[in-house]
Amino acid sequence: MDLQTRSAVAVASFIAFCFQHNITQPPDKIVKNLCTFLCQDVEQTPTFAYSRTLYNGILSLKLWSKQTMQSVKNGKDGSKGAESAKAHEEAAKAQLSRRGACLAFNQLSAKFGSQLLHAIPKMWISMAGGLLSACMTGSIFLGEGFLCA
């Protein structure tokens, strides 16, 4: 945790330095990578591409519910031996990456405050790009009768 916190402070300081000197490329790439790390933990962030036909409920809870049902079917731990250990290791790596990305975004938010999207313009695209493109390519049902077109 200490190493990730120090790294997050360093990343935020580097991005602030780049912003002060009008350097755009490294911060854009760093933020894009941080967003990837943040979203790779599918236990916390459902994959939109695989669940875009689901219109009701909370997607991460649907995934958790599906995993729980699979565990009940397969026995106590849901998997056998090496498969379970490998899945647990991958989940732990994803959680570690997600925690580091969260710390970095917290530091960026603290450093830039309300100027965050001005300092890192591509951050908005990383945050909302998938939803915006889904709404621009055609109509999508957003629940409660709302459509975006």
C-alpha atoms as a PDB file:
ATOM      1  CA  MET A   1       0.000   0.000   0.000  1.00  0.00           C
ATOM      2  CA  ASP A   2       2.828   2.390   0.900  1.00  0.00           C
ATOM      3  CA  LEU A   3       4.619   1.786  -2.408  1.00  0.00           C
ATOM      4  CA  GLN A   4       1.423   2.294  -4.404  1.00  0.00           C
ATOM      5  CA  THR A   5       0.643   5.513  -2.512  1.00  0.00           C
ATOM      6  CA  ARG A   6       4.136   6.882  -3.172  1.00  0.00           C
ATOM      7  CA  SER A   7       3.855   5.900  -6.828  1.00  0.00           C
ATOM      8  CA  ALA A   8       0.466   7.607  -7.082  1.00  0.00           C
ATOM      9  CA  VAL A   9       1.916  10.831  -5.656  1.00  0.00           C
ATOM     10  CA  ALA A  10       4.815  10.624  -8.122  1.00  0.00           C
ATOM     11  CA  VAL A  11       2.467  10.041 -11.075  1.00  0.00           C
ATOM     12  CA  ALA A  12       0.321  13.021 -10.072  1.00  0.00           C
ATOM     13  CA  SER A  13       3.413  15.210  -9.676  1.00  0.00           C
ATOM     14  CA  PHE A  14       4.757  14.132 -13.064  1.00  0.00           C
ATOM     15  CA  ILE A  15       1.438  14.883 -14.756  1.00  0.00           C
ATOM     16  CA  ALA A  16       1.342  18.286 -13.035  1.00  0.00           C
ATOM     17  CA  PHE A  17       4.857  18.976 -14.328  1.00  0.00           C
ATOM     18  CA  CYS A  18       3.790  17.999 -17.854  1.00  0.00           C
ATOM     19  CA  PHE A  19       0.719  20.229 -17.606  1.00  0.00           C
ATOM     20  CA  GLN A  20       2.790  23.204 -16.476  1.00  0.00           C
ATOM     21  CA  HIS A  21       5.130  22.719 -19.455  1.00  0.00           C
ATOM     22  CA  ASN A  22       2.376  22.012 -22.037  1.00  0.00           C
ATOM     23  CA  ILE A  23       3.466  18.410 -22.586  1.00  0.00           C
ATOM     24  CA  THR A  24       0.420  16.324 -23.510  1.00  0.00           C
ATOM     25  CA  GLN A  25       1.529  12.880 -24.673  1.00  0.00           C
ATOM     26  CA  PRO A  26       2.788  11.166 -21.494  1.00  0.00           C
ATOM     27  CA  PRO A  27      -0.183  12.252 -19.337  1.00  0.00           C
ATOM     28  CA  ASP A  28      -2.701  11.078 -21.945  1.00  0.00           C
ATOM     29  CA  LYS A  29      -1.039   7.668 -22.171  1.00  0.00           C
ATOM     30  CA  ILE A  30      -0.676   7.377 -18.396  1.00  0.00           C
ATOM     31  CA  VAL A  31      -4.340   8.180 -17.805  1.00  0.00           C
ATOM     32  CA  LYS A  32      -5.420   5.743 -20.495  1.00  0.00           C
ATOM     33  CA  ASN A  33      -3.355   3.006 -18.831  1.00  0.00           C
ATOM     34  CA  LEU A  34      -4.700   3.901 -15.394  1.00  0.00           C
ATOM     35  CA  CYS A  35      -8.245   3.626 -16.740  1.00  0.00           C
ATOM     36  CA  THR A  36      -7.389   0.203 -18.143  1.00  0.00           C
ATOM     37  CA  PHE A  37      -6.035  -0.892 -14.750  1.00  0.00           C
ATOM     38  CA  LEU A  38      -9.099   0.494 -13.028  1.00  0.00           C
ATOM     39  CA  CYS A  39     -11.486  -1.383 -15.280  1.00  0.00           C
ATOM     40  CA  GLN A  40      -9.685  -4.724 -15.552  1.00  0.00           C
ATOM     41  CA  ASP A  41     -11.102  -5.977 -12.247  1.00  0.00           C
ATOM     42  CA  VAL A  42     -14.357  -7.384 -13.653  1.00  0.00           C
ATOM     43  CA  GLU A  43     -15.613  -8.111 -10.140  1.00  0.00           C
ATOM     44  CA  GLN A  44     -15.947  -4.335  -9.695  1.00  0.00           C
ATOM     45  CA  THR A  45     -16.383  -3.144 -13.279  1.00  0.00           C
ATOM     46  CA  PRO A  46     -18.648  -5.244 -15.511  1.00  0.00           C
ATOM     47  CA  THR A  47     -17.627  -5.603 -19.136  1.00  0.00           C
ATOM     48  CA  PHE A  48     -20.107  -3.571 -21.151  1.00  0.00           C
ATOM     49  CA  ALA A  49     -19.567  -5.464 -24.399  1.00  0.00           C
ATOM     50  CA  TYR A  50     -20.705  -8.744 -22.850  1.00  0.00           C
ATOM     51  CA  SER A  51     -23.645  -7.312 -20.972  1.00  0.00           C
ATOM     52  CA  ARG A  52     -25.060  -4.662 -23.273  1.00  0.00           C
ATOM     53  CA  THR A  53     -28.274  -6.657 -23.788  1.00  0.00           C
ATOM     54  CA  LEU A  54     -29.066  -6.603 -20.050  1.00  0.00           C
ATOM     55  CA  TYR A  55     -31.431  -3.792 -19.206  1.00  0.00           C
ATOM     56  CA  ASN A  56     -32.339  -4.422 -15.565  1.00  0.00           C
ATOM     57  CA  GLY A  57     -30.278  -4.682 -12.421  1.00  0.00           C
ATOM     58  CA  ILE A  58     -26.770  -3.849 -11.335  1.00  0.00           C
ATOM     59  CA  LEU A  59     -24.290  -5.588 -13.621  1.00  0.00           C
ATOM     60  CA  SER A  60     -21.605  -6.276 -11.006  1.00  0.00           C
ATOM     61  CA  LEU A  61     -24.240  -7.877  -8.783  1.00  0.00           C
ATOM     62  CA  LYS A  62     -25.462 -10.008 -11.676  1.00  0.00           C
ATOM     63  CA  LEU A  63     -21.903 -11.267 -12.213  1.00  0.00           C
ATOM     64  CA  TRP A  64     -21.465 -11.952  -8.492  1.00  0.00           C
ATOM     65  CA  SER A  65     -24.785 -13.776  -8.378  1.00  0.00           C
ATOM     66  CA  LYS A  66     -23.801 -15.884 -11.396  1.00  0.00           C
ATOM     67  CA  GLN A  67     -20.484 -16.803  -9.744  1.00  0.00           C
ATOM     68  CA  THR A  68     -22.248 -17.734  -6.524  1.00  0.00           C
ATOM     69  CA  MET A  69     -24.679 -19.992  -8.374  1.00  0.00           C
ATOM     70  CA  GLN A  70     -21.747 -21.619 -10.210  1.00  0.00           C
ATOM     71  CA  SER A  71     -20.036 -22.247  -6.855  1.00  0.00           C
ATOM     72  CA  VAL A  72     -23.129 -23.958  -5.506  1.00  0.00           C
ATOM     73  CA  LYS A  73     -23.332 -26.190  -8.589  1.00  0.00           C
ATOM     74  CA  ASN A  74     -19.634 -27.157  -8.568  1.00  0.00           C
ATOM     75  CA  GLY A  75     -19.187 -27.656  -4.861  1.00  0.00           C
ATOM     76  CA  LYS A  76     -17.746 -25.549  -2.126  1.00  0.00           C
ATOM     77  CA  ASP A  77     -15.153 -23.409  -3.929  1.00  0.00           C
ATOM     78  CA  GLY A  78     -16.676 -23.346  -7.431  1.00  0.00           C
ATOM     79  CA  SER A  79     -13.546 -24.806  -9.084  1.00  0.00           C
ATOM     80  CA  LYS A  80     -11.033 -27.546  -8.588  1.00  0.00           C
ATOM     81  CA  GLY A  81      -7.392 -27.248  -7.524  1.00  0.00           C
ATOM     82  CA  ALA A  82      -5.134 -25.433  -9.991  1.00  0.00           C
ATOM     83  CA  GLU A  83      -8.003 -23.677 -11.779  1.00  0.00           C
ATOM     84  CA  SER A  84      -9.175 -22.172  -8.503  1.00  0.00           C
ATOM     85  CA  ALA A  85      -5.659 -21.079  -7.533  1.00  0.00           C
ATOM     86  CA  LYS A  86      -5.060 -19.500 -10.949  1.00  0.00           C
ATOM     87  CA  ALA A  87      -8.397 -17.665 -10.885  1.00  0.00           C
ATOM     88  CA  HIS A  88      -7.687 -16.435  -7.355  1.00  0.00           C
ATOM     89  CA  GLU A  89      -4.214 -15.214  -8.391  1.00  0.00           C
ATOM     90  CA  GLU A  90      -5.593 -13.347 -11.417  1.00  0.00           C
ATOM     91  CA  ALA A  91      -8.307 -11.762  -9.275  1.00  0.00           C
ATOM     92  CA  ALA A  92      -5.696 -10.666  -6.726  1.00  0.00           C
ATOM     93  CA  LYS A  93      -3.559  -9.092  -9.481  1.00  0.00           C
ATOM     94  CA  ALA A  94      -6.580  -7.260 -10.883  1.00  0.00           C
ATOM     95  CA  GLN A  95      -7.503  -5.980  -7.412  1.00  0.00           C
ATOM     96  CA  LEU A  96      -3.937  -4.787  -6.836  1.00  0.00           C
ATOM     97  CA  SER A  97      -3.879  -2.955 -10.181  1.00  0.00           C
ATOM     98  CA  ARG A  98      -7.279  -1.446  -9.472  1.00  0.00           C
ATOM     99  CA  ARG A  99      -6.161  -0.208  -6.048  1.00  0.00           C
ATOM    100  CA  GLY A 100      -3.069   1.445  -7.567  1.00  0.00           C
ATOM    101  CA  ALA A 101      -5.158   3.145 -10.250  1.00  0.00           C
ATOM    102  CA  CYS A 102      -7.651   4.362  -7.628  1.00  0.00           C
ATOM    103  CA  LEU A 103      -4.828   5.837  -5.561  1.00  0.00           C
ATOM    104  CA  ALA A 104      -3.410   7.578  -8.630  1.00  0.00           C
ATOM    105  CA  PHE A 105      -6.789   9.051  -9.568  1.00  0.00           C
ATOM    106  CA  ASN A 106      -7.288  10.200  -5.972  1.00  0.00           C
ATOM    107  CA  GLN A 107      -3.936  11.983  -6.105  1.00  0.00           C
ATOM    108  CA  LEU A 108      -4.737  13.537  -9.491  1.00  0.00           C
ATOM    109  CA  SER A 109      -8.090  14.739  -8.165  1.00  0.00           C
ATOM    110  CA  ALA A 110      -6.453  16.219  -5.066  1.00  0.00           C
ATOM    111  CA  LYS A 111      -3.750  17.936  -7.121  1.00  0.00           C
ATOM    112  CA  PHE A 112      -5.939  19.387  -9.891  1.00  0.00           C
ATOM    113  CA  GLY A 113      -9.349  19.645  -8.228  1.00  0.00           C
ATOM    114  CA  SER A 114     -11.966  21.136 -10.512  1.00  0.00           C
ATOM    115  CA  GLN A 115      -9.329  21.694 -13.220  1.00  0.00           C
ATOM    116  CA  LEU A 116      -8.713  17.949 -13.661  1.00  0.00           C
ATOM    117  CA  LEU A 117     -10.504  17.585 -17.000  1.00  0.00           C
ATOM    118  CA  HIS A 118      -8.889  20.798 -18.238  1.00  0.00           C
ATOM    119  CA  ALA A 119      -5.416  19.561 -17.264  1.00  0.00           C
ATOM    120  CA  ILE A 120      -5.990  16.107 -18.791  1.00  0.00           C
ATOM    121  CA  PRO A 121      -8.577  16.564 -21.575  1.00  0.00           C
ATOM    122  CA  LYS A 122      -8.408  12.940 -22.735  1.00  0.00           C
ATOM    123  CA  MET A 123      -9.521  11.789 -19.303  1.00  0.00           C
ATOM    124  CA  TRP A 124     -13.152  12.524 -20.154  1.00  0.00           C
ATOM    125  CA  ILE A 125     -12.932  10.275 -23.209  1.00  0.00           C
ATOM    126  CA  SER A 126     -11.399   7.530 -21.079  1.00  0.00           C
ATOM    127  CA  MET A 127     -14.152   7.890 -18.505  1.00  0.00           C
ATOM    128  CA  ALA A 128     -17.183   8.239 -20.745  1.00  0.00           C
ATOM    129  CA  GLY A 129     -16.042   7.307 -24.245  1.00  0.00           C
ATOM    130  CA  GLY A 130     -17.629   3.859 -24.287  1.00  0.00           C
ATOM    131  CA  LEU A 131     -21.023   5.135 -23.230  1.00  0.00           C
ATOM    132  CA  LEU A 132     -20.853   8.119 -25.563  1.00  0.00           C
ATOM    133  CA  SER A 133     -19.967   5.958 -28.549  1.00  0.00           C
ATOM    134  CA  ALA A 134     -22.747   3.491 -27.687  1.00  0.00           C
ATOM    135  CA  CYS A 135     -25.216   6.369 -27.647  1.00  0.00           C
ATOM    136  CA  MET A 136     -23.930   7.831 -30.919  1.00  0.00           C
ATOM    137  CA  THR A 137     -23.971   4.630 -32.974  1.00  0.00           C
ATOM    138  CA  GLY A 138     -27.661   4.013 -32.510  1.00  0.00           C
ATOM    139  CA  SER A 139     -30.363   3.914 -29.937  1.00  0.00           C
ATOM    140  CA  ILE A 140     -29.702   2.118 -26.699  1.00  0.00           C
ATOM    141  CA  PHE A 141     -32.181   1.499 -23.929  1.00  0.00           C
ATOM    142  CA  LEU A 142     -31.004   3.097 -20.681  1.00  0.00           C
ATOM    143  CA  GLY A 143     -33.808   1.903 -18.412  1.00  0.00           C
ATOM    144  CA  GLU A 144     -36.994   3.530 -17.183  1.00  0.00           C
ATOM    145  CA  GLY A 145     -37.996   4.286 -20.775  1.00  0.00           C
ATOM    146  CA  PHE A 146     -35.002   6.484 -21.585  1.00  0.00           C
ATOM    147  CA  LEU A 147     -33.269   6.173 -24.933  1.00  0.00           C
ATOM    148  CA  CYS A 148     -30.217   7.897 -26.227  1.00  0.00           C
ATOM    149  CA  ALA A 149     -29.958   8.247 -29.960  1.00  0.00           C
END
